[in-house]
All heavy atoms as atom14 arrays in JSON, in Angstrom:
{
  "sequence": "AAITSSGSSTYYPNSVKGRFAVSRDTAKNTVSLQMNSLMPEDTGIY",
  "atom14_mask": [
    [1, 1, 1, 1, 1, 0, 0, 0, 0, 0, 0, 0, 0, 0],
    [1, 1, 1, 1, 1, 0, 0, 0, 0, 0, 0, 0, 0, 0],
    [1, 1, 1, 1, 1, 1, 1, 1, 0, 0, 0, 0, 0, 0],
    [1, 1, 1, 1, 1, 1, 1, 0, 0, 0, 0, 0, 0, 0],
    [1, 1, 1, 1, 1, 1, 0, 0, 0, 0, 0, 0, 0, 0],
    [1, 1, 1, 1, 1, 1, 0, 0, 0, 0, 0, 0, 0, 0],
    [1, 1, 1, 1, 0, 0, 0, 0, 0, 0, 0, 0, 0, 0],
    [1, 1, 1, 1, 1, 1, 0, 0, 0, 0, 0, 0, 0, 0],
    [1, 1, 1, 1, 1, 1, 0, 0, 0, 0, 0, 0, 0, 0],
    [1, 1, 1, 1, 1, 1, 1, 0, 0, 0, 0, 0, 0, 0],
    [1, 1, 1, 1, 1, 1, 1, 1, 1, 1, 1, 1, 0, 0],
    [1, 1, 1, 1, 1, 1, 1, 1, 1, 1, 1, 1, 0, 0],
    [1, 1, 1, 1, 1, 1, 1, 0, 0, 0, 0, 0, 0, 0],
    [1, 1, 1, 1, 1, 1, 1, 1, 0, 0, 0, 0, 0, 0],
    [1, 1, 1, 1, 1, 1, 0, 0, 0, 0, 0, 0, 0, 0],
    [1, 1, 1, 1, 1, 1, 1, 0, 0, 0, 0, 0, 0, 0],
    [1, 1, 1, 1, 1, 1, 1, 1, 1, 0, 0, 0, 0, 0],
    [1, 1, 1, 1, 0, 0, 0, 0, 0, 0, 0, 0, 0, 0],
    [1, 1, 1, 1, 1, 1, 1, 1, 1, 1, 1, 0, 0, 0],
    [1, 1, 1, 1, 1, 1, 1, 1, 1, 1, 1, 0, 0, 0],
    [1, 1, 1, 1, 1, 0, 0, 0, 0, 0, 0, 0, 0, 0],
    [1, 1, 1, 1, 1, 1, 1, 0, 0, 0, 0, 0, 0, 0],
    [1, 1, 1, 1, 1, 1, 0, 0, 0, 0, 0, 0, 0, 0],
    [1, 1, 1, 1, 1, 1, 1, 1, 1, 1, 1, 0, 0, 0],
    [1, 1, 1, 1, 1, 1, 1, 1, 0, 0, 0, 0, 0, 0],
    [1, 1, 1, 1, 1, 1, 1, 0, 0, 0, 0, 0, 0, 0],
    [1, 1, 1, 1, 1, 0, 0, 0, 0, 0, 0, 0, 0, 0],
    [1, 1, 1, 1, 1, 1, 1, 1, 1, 0, 0, 0, 0, 0],
    [1, 1, 1, 1, 1, 1, 1, 1, 0, 0, 0, 0, 0, 0],
    [1, 1, 1, 1, 1, 1, 1, 0, 0, 0, 0, 0, 0, 0],
    [1, 1, 1, 1, 1, 1, 1, 0, 0, 0, 0, 0, 0, 0],
    [1, 1, 1, 1, 1, 1, 0, 0, 0, 0, 0, 0, 0, 0],
    [1, 1, 1, 1, 1, 1, 1, 1, 0, 0, 0, 0, 0, 0],
    [1, 1, 1, 1, 1, 1, 1, 1, 1, 0, 0, 0, 0, 0],
    [1, 1, 1, 1, 1, 1, 1, 1, 0, 0, 0, 0, 0, 0],
    [1, 1, 1, 1, 1, 1, 1, 1, 0, 0, 0, 0, 0, 0],
    [1, 1, 1, 1, 1, 1, 0, 0, 0, 0, 0, 0, 0, 0],
    [1, 1, 1, 1, 1, 1, 1, 1, 0, 0, 0, 0, 0, 0],
    [1, 1, 1, 1, 1, 1, 1, 1, 0, 0, 0, 0, 0, 0],
    [1, 1, 1, 1, 1, 1, 1, 0, 0, 0, 0, 0, 0, 0],
    [1, 1, 1, 1, 1, 1, 1, 1, 1, 0, 0, 0, 0, 0],
    [1, 1, 1, 1, 1, 1, 1, 1, 0, 0, 0, 0, 0, 0],
    [1, 1, 1, 1, 1, 1, 1, 0, 0, 0, 0, 0, 0, 0],
    [1, 1, 1, 1, 0, 0, 0, 0, 0, 0, 0, 0, 0, 0],
    [1, 1, 1, 1, 1, 1, 1, 1, 0, 0, 0, 0, 0, 0],
    [1, 1, 1, 1, 1, 1, 1, 1, 1, 1, 1, 1, 0, 0]
  ],
  "atom14_positions": [
    [[0.85, -1.19, 0.0], [0.0, 0.0, 0.0], [0.88, 1.23, 0.0], [2.0, 1.2, 0.51], [-0.92, 0.03, 1.22], [0.0, 0.0, 0.0], [0.0, 0.0, 0.0], [0.0, 0.0, 0.0], [0.0, 0.0, 0.0], [0.0, 0.0, 0.0], [0.0, 0.0, 0.0], [0.0, 0.0, 0.0], [0.0, 0.0, 0.0], [0.0, 0.0, 0.0]],
    [[0.34, 2.32, -0.55], [1.07, 3.58, -0.54], [0.1, 4.73, -0.43], [-1.06, 4.64, -0.85], [1.93, 3.74, -1.8], [0.0, 0.0, 0.0], [0.0, 0.0, 0.0], [0.0, 0.0, 0.0], [0.0, 0.0, 0.0], [0.0, 0.0, 0.0], [0.0, 0.0, 0.0], [0.0, 0.0, 0.0], [0.0, 0.0, 0.0], [0.0, 0.0, 0.0]],
    [[0.59, 5.82, 0.14], [-0.19, 7.05, 0.23], [0.75, 8.2, -0.13], [1.91, 8.23, 0.28], [-0.81, 7.23, 1.63], [-1.71, 8.45, 1.69], [0.27, 7.29, 2.72], [-2.59, 8.5, 2.93], [0.0, 0.0, 0.0], [0.0, 0.0, 0.0], [0.0, 0.0, 0.0], [0.0, 0.0, 0.0], [0.0, 0.0, 0.0], [0.0, 0.0, 0.0]],
    [[0.24, 9.12, -0.94], [1.08, 10.23, -1.37], [1.32, 11.22, -0.24], [0.61, 11.22, 0.76], [0.41, 10.94, -2.54], [-0.92, 11.36, -2.15], [0.3, 10.02, -3.75], [0.0, 0.0, 0.0], [0.0, 0.0, 0.0], [0.0, 0.0, 0.0], [0.0, 0.0, 0.0], [0.0, 0.0, 0.0], [0.0, 0.0, 0.0], [0.0, 0.0, 0.0]],
    [[2.29, 12.08, -0.41], [2.6, 13.05, 0.65], [1.47, 14.06, 0.83], [1.32, 14.64, 1.9], [3.91, 13.77, 0.35], [3.84, 14.46, -0.87], [0.0, 0.0, 0.0], [0.0, 0.0, 0.0], [0.0, 0.0, 0.0], [0.0, 0.0, 0.0], [0.0, 0.0, 0.0], [0.0, 0.0, 0.0], [0.0, 0.0, 0.0], [0.0, 0.0, 0.0]],
    [[0.68, 14.26, -0.2], [-0.5, 15.14, -0.07], [-1.61, 14.45, 0.72], [-2.5, 15.12, 1.24], [-1.03, 15.52, -1.44], [-1.57, 14.39, -2.09], [0.0, 0.0, 0.0], [0.0, 0.0, 0.0], [0.0, 0.0, 0.0], [0.0, 0.0, 0.0], [0.0, 0.0, 0.0], [0.0, 0.0, 0.0], [0.0, 0.0, 0.0], [0.0, 0.0, 0.0]],
    [[-1.55, 13.13, 0.78], [-2.59, 12.36, 1.45], [-3.83, 12.18, 0.61], [-4.8, 11.56, 1.05], [0.0, 0.0, 0.0], [0.0, 0.0, 0.0], [0.0, 0.0, 0.0], [0.0, 0.0, 0.0], [0.0, 0.0, 0.0], [0.0, 0.0, 0.0], [0.0, 0.0, 0.0], [0.0, 0.0, 0.0], [0.0, 0.0, 0.0], [0.0, 0.0, 0.0]],
    [[-3.82, 12.68, -0.61], [-5.03, 12.67, -1.43], [-5.24, 11.35, -2.17], [-6.34, 11.08, -2.64], [-5.0, 13.81, -2.44], [-3.89, 13.67, -3.31], [0.0, 0.0, 0.0], [0.0, 0.0, 0.0], [0.0, 0.0, 0.0], [0.0, 0.0, 0.0], [0.0, 0.0, 0.0], [0.0, 0.0, 0.0], [0.0, 0.0, 0.0], [0.0, 0.0, 0.0]],
    [[-4.18, 10.55, -2.31], [-4.3, 9.32, -3.09], [-3.64, 8.15, -2.38], [-2.61, 8.31, -1.73], [-3.65, 9.5, -4.47], [-4.28, 10.53, -5.19], [0.0, 0.0, 0.0], [0.0, 0.0, 0.0], [0.0, 0.0, 0.0], [0.0, 0.0, 0.0], [0.0, 0.0, 0.0], [0.0, 0.0, 0.0], [0.0, 0.0, 0.0], [0.0, 0.0, 0.0]],
    [[-4.28, 6.99, -2.56], [-3.74, 5.75, -2.03], [-3.69, 4.72, -3.14], [-4.45, 4.79, -4.11], [-4.58, 5.21, -0.87], [-5.94, 5.04, -1.31], [-4.57, 6.16, 0.32], [0.0, 0.0, 0.0], [0.0, 0.0, 0.0], [0.0, 0.0, 0.0], [0.0, 0.0, 0.0], [0.0, 0.0, 0.0], [0.0, 0.0, 0.0], [0.0, 0.0, 0.0]],
    [[-2.81, 3.73, -2.99], [-2.61, 2.73, -4.03], [-2.41, 1.36, -3.4], [-1.76, 1.25, -2.34], [-1.39, 3.09, -4.89], [-1.52, 4.43, -5.56], [-1.09, 5.58, -4.92], [-2.09, 4.54, -6.82], [-1.22, 6.82, -5.52], [-2.22, 5.78, -7.43], [-1.79, 6.91, -6.78], [-1.93, 8.14, -7.38], [0.0, 0.0, 0.0], [0.0, 0.0, 0.0]],
    [[-2.96, 0.35, -4.07], [-2.88, -1.01, -3.57], [-2.72, -1.98, -4.73], [-3.3, -1.76, -5.8], [-4.15, -1.39, -2.8], [-4.57, -0.42, -1.74], [-5.45, 0.61, -2.03], [-4.08, -0.53, -0.44], [-5.83, 1.52, -1.05], [-4.46, 0.37, 0.55], [-5.34, 1.39, 0.22], [-5.71, 2.28, 1.2], [0.0, 0.0, 0.0], [0.0, 0.0, 0.0]],
    [[-2.0, -3.05, -4.54], [-2.0, -4.09, -5.56], [-3.31, -4.88, -5.47], [-4.02, -4.81, -4.45], [-0.81, -4.96, -5.16], [-0.73, -4.81, -3.67], [-1.14, -3.4, -3.4], [0.0, 0.0, 0.0], [0.0, 0.0, 0.0], [0.0, 0.0, 0.0], [0.0, 0.0, 0.0], [0.0, 0.0, 0.0], [0.0, 0.0, 0.0], [0.0, 0.0, 0.0]],
    [[-3.62, -5.63, -6.48], [-4.88, -6.39, -6.51], [-4.97, -7.39, -5.37], [-6.07, -7.71, -4.91], [-5.04, -7.1, -7.85], [-5.33, -6.13, -8.97], [-5.86, -5.05, -8.77], [-4.96, -6.53, -10.19], [0.0, 0.0, 0.0], [0.0, 0.0, 0.0], [0.0, 0.0, 0.0], [0.0, 0.0, 0.0], [0.0, 0.0, 0.0], [0.0, 0.0, 0.0]],
    [[-3.82, -7.86, -4.91], [-3.82, -8.9, -3.88], [-4.42, -8.42, -2.55], [-4.88, -9.25, -1.76], [-2.4, -9.42, -3.65], [-1.54, -8.35, -3.28], [0.0, 0.0, 0.0], [0.0, 0.0, 0.0], [0.0, 0.0, 0.0], [0.0, 0.0, 0.0], [0.0, 0.0, 0.0], [0.0, 0.0, 0.0], [0.0, 0.0, 0.0], [0.0, 0.0, 0.0]],
    [[-4.42, -7.12, -2.29], [-4.93, -6.61, -1.02], [-6.04, -5.58, -1.2], [-6.65, -5.15, -0.21], [-3.82, -6.0, -0.15], [-2.67, -6.98, 0.03], [-3.32, -4.69, -0.74], [0.0, 0.0, 0.0], [0.0, 0.0, 0.0], [0.0, 0.0, 0.0], [0.0, 0.0, 0.0], [0.0, 0.0, 0.0], [0.0, 0.0, 0.0], [0.0, 0.0, 0.0]],
    [[-6.31, -5.19, -2.42], [-7.31, -4.16, -2.68], [-8.66, -4.59, -2.13], [-9.11, -5.71, -2.35], [-7.39, -3.88, -4.17], [-8.16, -2.63, -4.54], [-8.07, -2.36, -6.04], [-6.66, -2.01, -6.45], [-6.56, -1.69, -7.9], [0.0, 0.0, 0.0], [0.0, 0.0, 0.0], [0.0, 0.0, 0.0], [0.0, 0.0, 0.0], [0.0, 0.0, 0.0]],
    [[-9.3, -3.68, -1.42], [-10.58, -3.99, -0.81], [-10.48, -4.59, 0.58], [-11.48, -4.66, 1.31], [0.0, 0.0, 0.0], [0.0, 0.0, 0.0], [0.0, 0.0, 0.0], [0.0, 0.0, 0.0], [0.0, 0.0, 0.0], [0.0, 0.0, 0.0], [0.0, 0.0, 0.0], [0.0, 0.0, 0.0], [0.0, 0.0, 0.0], [0.0, 0.0, 0.0]],
    [[-9.29, -5.03, 0.96], [-9.09, -5.62, 2.29], [-8.2, -4.75, 3.17], [-8.39, -4.71, 4.39], [-8.47, -7.01, 2.17], [-9.31, -8.0, 1.4], [-8.73, -9.42, 1.5], [-7.39, -9.51, 0.93], [-6.32, -9.89, 1.64], [-6.44, -10.2, 2.92], [-5.13, -9.97, 1.04], [0.0, 0.0, 0.0], [0.0, 0.0, 0.0], [0.0, 0.0, 0.0]],
    [[-7.22, -4.11, 2.57], [-6.27, -3.28, 3.31], [-6.56, -1.81, 3.05], [-7.01, -1.44, 1.95], [-4.84, -3.58, 2.88], [-4.31, -4.92, 3.31], [-5.14, -5.92, 3.8], [-2.95, -5.19, 3.23], [-4.65, -7.15, 4.2], [-2.43, -6.41, 3.62], [-3.28, -7.39, 4.11], [0.0, 0.0, 0.0], [0.0, 0.0, 0.0], [0.0, 0.0, 0.0]],
    [[-6.25, -0.98, 4.03], [-6.42, 0.46, 3.87], [-5.29, 1.18, 4.58], [-5.03, 0.93, 5.78], [-7.76, 0.91, 4.42], [0.0, 0.0, 0.0], [0.0, 0.0, 0.0], [0.0, 0.0, 0.0], [0.0, 0.0, 0.0], [0.0, 0.0, 0.0], [0.0, 0.0, 0.0], [0.0, 0.0, 0.0], [0.0, 0.0, 0.0], [0.0, 0.0, 0.0]],
    [[-4.62, 2.06, 3.85], [-3.55, 2.87, 4.43], [-4.1, 4.25, 4.75], [-4.91, 4.8, 3.99], [-2.35, 2.95, 3.47], [-2.72, 3.57, 2.13], [-1.18, 3.7, 4.12], [0.0, 0.0, 0.0], [0.0, 0.0, 0.0], [0.0, 0.0, 0.0], [0.0, 0.0, 0.0], [0.0, 0.0, 0.0], [0.0, 0.0, 0.0], [0.0, 0.0, 0.0]],
    [[-3.67, 4.79, 5.86], [-4.11, 6.12, 6.26], [-2.97, 6.82, 6.99], [-1.98, 6.19, 7.35], [-5.35, 6.04, 7.16], [-5.05, 5.32, 8.35], [0.0, 0.0, 0.0], [0.0, 0.0, 0.0], [0.0, 0.0, 0.0], [0.0, 0.0, 0.0], [0.0, 0.0, 0.0], [0.0, 0.0, 0.0], [0.0, 0.0, 0.0], [0.0, 0.0, 0.0]],
    [[-3.14, 8.09, 7.2], [-2.1, 8.82, 7.91], [-2.73, 9.86, 8.82], [-3.86, 10.3, 8.62], [-1.17, 9.51, 6.91], [-1.85, 10.62, 6.12], [-0.9, 11.36, 5.25], [-1.46, 12.65, 4.85], [-0.78, 13.61, 4.27], [0.53, 13.43, 4.0], [-1.35, 14.74, 3.95], [0.0, 0.0, 0.0], [0.0, 0.0, 0.0], [0.0, 0.0, 0.0]],
    [[-1.96, 10.25, 9.82], [-2.35, 11.3, 10.74], [-1.15, 12.24, 10.83], [-0.17, 11.93, 11.51], [-2.7, 10.71, 12.11], [-3.2, 11.74, 13.1], [-2.86, 12.93, 12.95], [-3.93, 11.35, 14.02], [0.0, 0.0, 0.0], [0.0, 0.0, 0.0], [0.0, 0.0, 0.0], [0.0, 0.0, 0.0], [0.0, 0.0, 0.0], [0.0, 0.0, 0.0]],
    [[-1.23, 13.37, 10.15], [-0.08, 14.27, 10.11], [0.21, 14.89, 11.46], [1.36, 15.17, 11.78], [-0.3, 15.37, 9.07], [-1.54, 16.04, 9.34], [-0.34, 14.79, 7.67], [0.0, 0.0, 0.0], [0.0, 0.0, 0.0], [0.0, 0.0, 0.0], [0.0, 0.0, 0.0], [0.0, 0.0, 0.0], [0.0, 0.0, 0.0], [0.0, 0.0, 0.0]],
    [[-0.83, 15.07, 12.27], [-0.62, 15.65, 13.6], [0.2, 14.72, 14.49], [0.95, 15.18, 15.35], [-1.96, 15.96, 14.25], [0.0, 0.0, 0.0], [0.0, 0.0, 0.0], [0.0, 0.0, 0.0], [0.0, 0.0, 0.0], [0.0, 0.0, 0.0], [0.0, 0.0, 0.0], [0.0, 0.0, 0.0], [0.0, 0.0, 0.0], [0.0, 0.0, 0.0]],
    [[0.04, 13.42, 14.26], [0.77, 12.42, 15.06], [1.95, 11.83, 14.3], [2.61, 10.93, 14.8], [-0.18, 11.3, 15.49], [-1.31, 11.77, 16.4], [-2.19, 10.6, 16.82], [-3.3, 11.07, 17.74], [-4.18, 9.95, 18.15], [0.0, 0.0, 0.0], [0.0, 0.0, 0.0], [0.0, 0.0, 0.0], [0.0, 0.0, 0.0], [0.0, 0.0, 0.0]],
    [[2.17, 12.34, 13.07], [3.28, 11.82, 12.24], [3.21, 10.3, 12.1], [4.23, 9.6, 12.2], [4.62, 12.24, 12.83], [4.77, 13.74, 12.89], [4.68, 14.42, 11.89], [4.96, 14.25, 14.11], [0.0, 0.0, 0.0], [0.0, 0.0, 0.0], [0.0, 0.0, 0.0], [0.0, 0.0, 0.0], [0.0, 0.0, 0.0], [0.0, 0.0, 0.0]],
    [[2.02, 9.81, 11.87], [1.79, 8.37, 11.87], [1.12, 7.91, 10.59], [0.23, 8.58, 10.06], [0.91, 7.97, 13.06], [1.57, 8.33, 14.28], [0.63, 6.48, 13.08], [0.0, 0.0, 0.0], [0.0, 0.0, 0.0], [0.0, 0.0, 0.0], [0.0, 0.0, 0.0], [0.0, 0.0, 0.0], [0.0, 0.0, 0.0], [0.0, 0.0, 0.0]],
    [[1.56, 6.78, 10.11], [0.91, 6.09, 8.99], [0.46, 4.73, 9.5], [1.21, 4.06, 10.23], [1.86, 5.91, 7.8], [1.2, 5.09, 6.71], [2.28, 7.26, 7.25], [0.0, 0.0, 0.0], [0.0, 0.0, 0.0], [0.0, 0.0, 0.0], [0.0, 0.0, 0.0], [0.0, 0.0, 0.0], [0.0, 0.0, 0.0], [0.0, 0.0, 0.0]],
    [[-0.75, 4.36, 9.14], [-1.3, 3.1, 9.62], [-1.74, 2.22, 8.45], [-2.03, 2.72, 7.36], [-2.49, 3.37, 10.53], [-2.11, 4.12, 11.66], [0.0, 0.0, 0.0], [0.0, 0.0, 0.0], [0.0, 0.0, 0.0], [0.0, 0.0, 0.0], [0.0, 0.0, 0.0], [0.0, 0.0, 0.0], [0.0, 0.0, 0.0], [0.0, 0.0, 0.0]],
    [[-1.78, 0.94, 8.72], [-2.27, -0.03, 7.73], [-3.32, -0.89, 8.43], [-2.99, -1.67, 9.33], [-1.15, -0.9, 7.19], [-1.56, -1.89, 6.11], [-1.98, -1.16, 4.84], [-0.44, -2.88, 5.81], [0.0, 0.0, 0.0], [0.0, 0.0, 0.0], [0.0, 0.0, 0.0], [0.0, 0.0, 0.0], [0.0, 0.0, 0.0], [0.0, 0.0, 0.0]],
    [[-4.57, -0.72, 8.02], [-5.65, -1.53, 8.53], [-5.81, -2.73, 7.6], [-6.02, -2.56, 6.4], [-6.96, -0.73, 8.58], [-8.15, -1.51, 9.05], [-8.03, -1.95, 10.5], [-7.57, -1.2, 11.34], [-8.46, -3.17, 10.79], [0.0, 0.0, 0.0], [0.0, 0.0, 0.0], [0.0, 0.0, 0.0], [0.0, 0.0, 0.0], [0.0, 0.0, 0.0]],
    [[-5.71, -3.92, 8.16], [-5.79, -5.14, 7.37], [-6.99, -5.95, 7.82], [-7.08, -6.34, 8.99], [-4.5, -5.95, 7.53], [-3.24, -5.18, 7.19], [-1.74, -6.18, 7.29], [-1.66, -6.44, 9.07], [0.0, 0.0, 0.0], [0.0, 0.0, 0.0], [0.0, 0.0, 0.0], [0.0, 0.0, 0.0], [0.0, 0.0, 0.0], [0.0, 0.0, 0.0]],
    [[-7.91, -6.16, 6.91], [-9.13, -6.92, 7.2], [-9.17, -8.2, 6.37], [-8.45, -8.32, 5.37], [-10.36, -6.06, 6.91], [-10.41, -4.8, 7.73], [-10.0, -4.77, 8.89], [-10.91, -3.74, 7.13], [0.0, 0.0, 0.0], [0.0, 0.0, 0.0], [0.0, 0.0, 0.0], [0.0, 0.0, 0.0], [0.0, 0.0, 0.0], [0.0, 0.0, 0.0]],
    [[-9.99, -9.1, 6.78], [-10.17, -10.37, 6.06], [-8.82, -11.01, 5.75], [-8.54, -11.41, 4.61], [-10.96, -10.14, 4.77], [-12.21, -9.56, 5.04], [0.0, 0.0, 0.0], [0.0, 0.0, 0.0], [0.0, 0.0, 0.0], [0.0, 0.0, 0.0], [0.0, 0.0, 0.0], [0.0, 0.0, 0.0], [0.0, 0.0, 0.0], [0.0, 0.0, 0.0]],
    [[-7.99, -11.09, 6.74], [-6.64, -11.6, 6.54], [-6.65, -13.06, 6.09], [-7.5, -13.86, 6.5], [-5.81, -11.44, 7.81], [-5.31, -10.01, 8.05], [-4.9, -9.82, 9.51], [-4.15, -9.71, 7.13], [0.0, 0.0, 0.0], [0.0, 0.0, 0.0], [0.0, 0.0, 0.0], [0.0, 0.0, 0.0], [0.0, 0.0, 0.0], [0.0, 0.0, 0.0]],
    [[-5.69, -13.39, 5.26], [-5.54, -14.73, 4.71], [-4.14, -15.24, 5.03], [-3.21, -14.44, 5.23], [-5.76, -14.7, 3.2], [-7.12, -14.15, 2.8], [-7.43, -14.22, 1.02], [-6.23, -13.06, 0.41], [0.0, 0.0, 0.0], [0.0, 0.0, 0.0], [0.0, 0.0, 0.0], [0.0, 0.0, 0.0], [0.0, 0.0, 0.0], [0.0, 0.0, 0.0]],
    [[-3.95, -16.54, 5.03], [-2.62, -17.09, 5.33], [-1.53, -16.54, 4.41], [-0.39, -16.35, 4.85], [-2.82, -18.59, 5.13], [-4.25, -18.82, 5.49], [-4.97, -17.61, 4.96], [0.0, 0.0, 0.0], [0.0, 0.0, 0.0], [0.0, 0.0, 0.0], [0.0, 0.0, 0.0], [0.0, 0.0, 0.0], [0.0, 0.0, 0.0], [0.0, 0.0, 0.0]],
    [[-1.89, -16.24, 3.18], [-0.89, -15.7, 2.25], [-0.49, -14.26, 2.56], [0.41, -13.71, 1.93], [-1.37, -15.8, 0.8], [-2.8, -15.33, 0.59], [-3.79, -16.48, 0.61], [-3.75, -17.32, 1.56], [-4.64, -16.55, -0.31], [0.0, 0.0, 0.0], [0.0, 0.0, 0.0], [0.0, 0.0, 0.0], [0.0, 0.0, 0.0], [0.0, 0.0, 0.0]],
    [[-1.14, -13.65, 3.54], [-0.73, -12.32, 4.0], [0.41, -12.39, 5.02], [0.93, -11.36, 5.44], [-1.91, -11.58, 4.62], [-3.01, -11.26, 3.63], [-2.68, -10.86, 2.49], [-4.2, -11.4, 3.99], [0.0, 0.0, 0.0], [0.0, 0.0, 0.0], [0.0, 0.0, 0.0], [0.0, 0.0, 0.0], [0.0, 0.0, 0.0], [0.0, 0.0, 0.0]],
    [[0.77, -13.58, 5.39], [1.83, -13.77, 6.37], [3.16, -13.24, 5.86], [3.51, -13.44, 4.7], [1.97, -15.27, 6.71], [0.78, -15.7, 7.38], [3.17, -15.53, 7.61], [0.0, 0.0, 0.0], [0.0, 0.0, 0.0], [0.0, 0.0, 0.0], [0.0, 0.0, 0.0], [0.0, 0.0, 0.0], [0.0, 0.0, 0.0], [0.0, 0.0, 0.0]],
    [[3.88, -12.56, 6.74], [5.2, -12.05, 6.38], [5.64, -10.97, 7.35], [4.93, -10.64, 8.3], [0.0, 0.0, 0.0], [0.0, 0.0, 0.0], [0.0, 0.0, 0.0], [0.0, 0.0, 0.0], [0.0, 0.0, 0.0], [0.0, 0.0, 0.0], [0.0, 0.0, 0.0], [0.0, 0.0, 0.0], [0.0, 0.0, 0.0], [0.0, 0.0, 0.0]],
    [[6.81, -10.43, 7.09], [7.28, -9.28, 7.85], [6.85, -8.03, 7.1], [7.12, -7.9, 5.9], [8.82, -9.32, 8.0], [9.24, -10.58, 8.74], [9.29, -8.09, 8.76], [10.74, -10.77, 8.81], [0.0, 0.0, 0.0], [0.0, 0.0, 0.0], [0.0, 0.0, 0.0], [0.0, 0.0, 0.0], [0.0, 0.0, 0.0], [0.0, 0.0, 0.0]],
    [[6.19, -7.15, 7.81], [5.67, -5.93, 7.21], [6.58, -4.75, 7.58], [6.97, -4.6, 8.74], [4.24, -5.67, 7.69], [3.23, -6.53, 6.98], [3.19, -7.91, 7.19], [2.32, -5.98, 6.08], [2.28, -8.71, 6.52], [1.4, -6.77, 5.4], [1.39, -8.13, 5.63], [0.5, -8.93, 4.96], [0.0, 0.0, 0.0], [0.0, 0.0, 0.0]]
  ]
}
């Protein structure tokens, strides 16, 4: 997943589209990745 520095656009590969969501909080200098409907093939180091 990716999010632009403007925060206006996000991008995902087909493998996670619709299940994962990237967001950011500029006040907290934080980027988050919400992962739903996880599958065994999502296993890995993130």
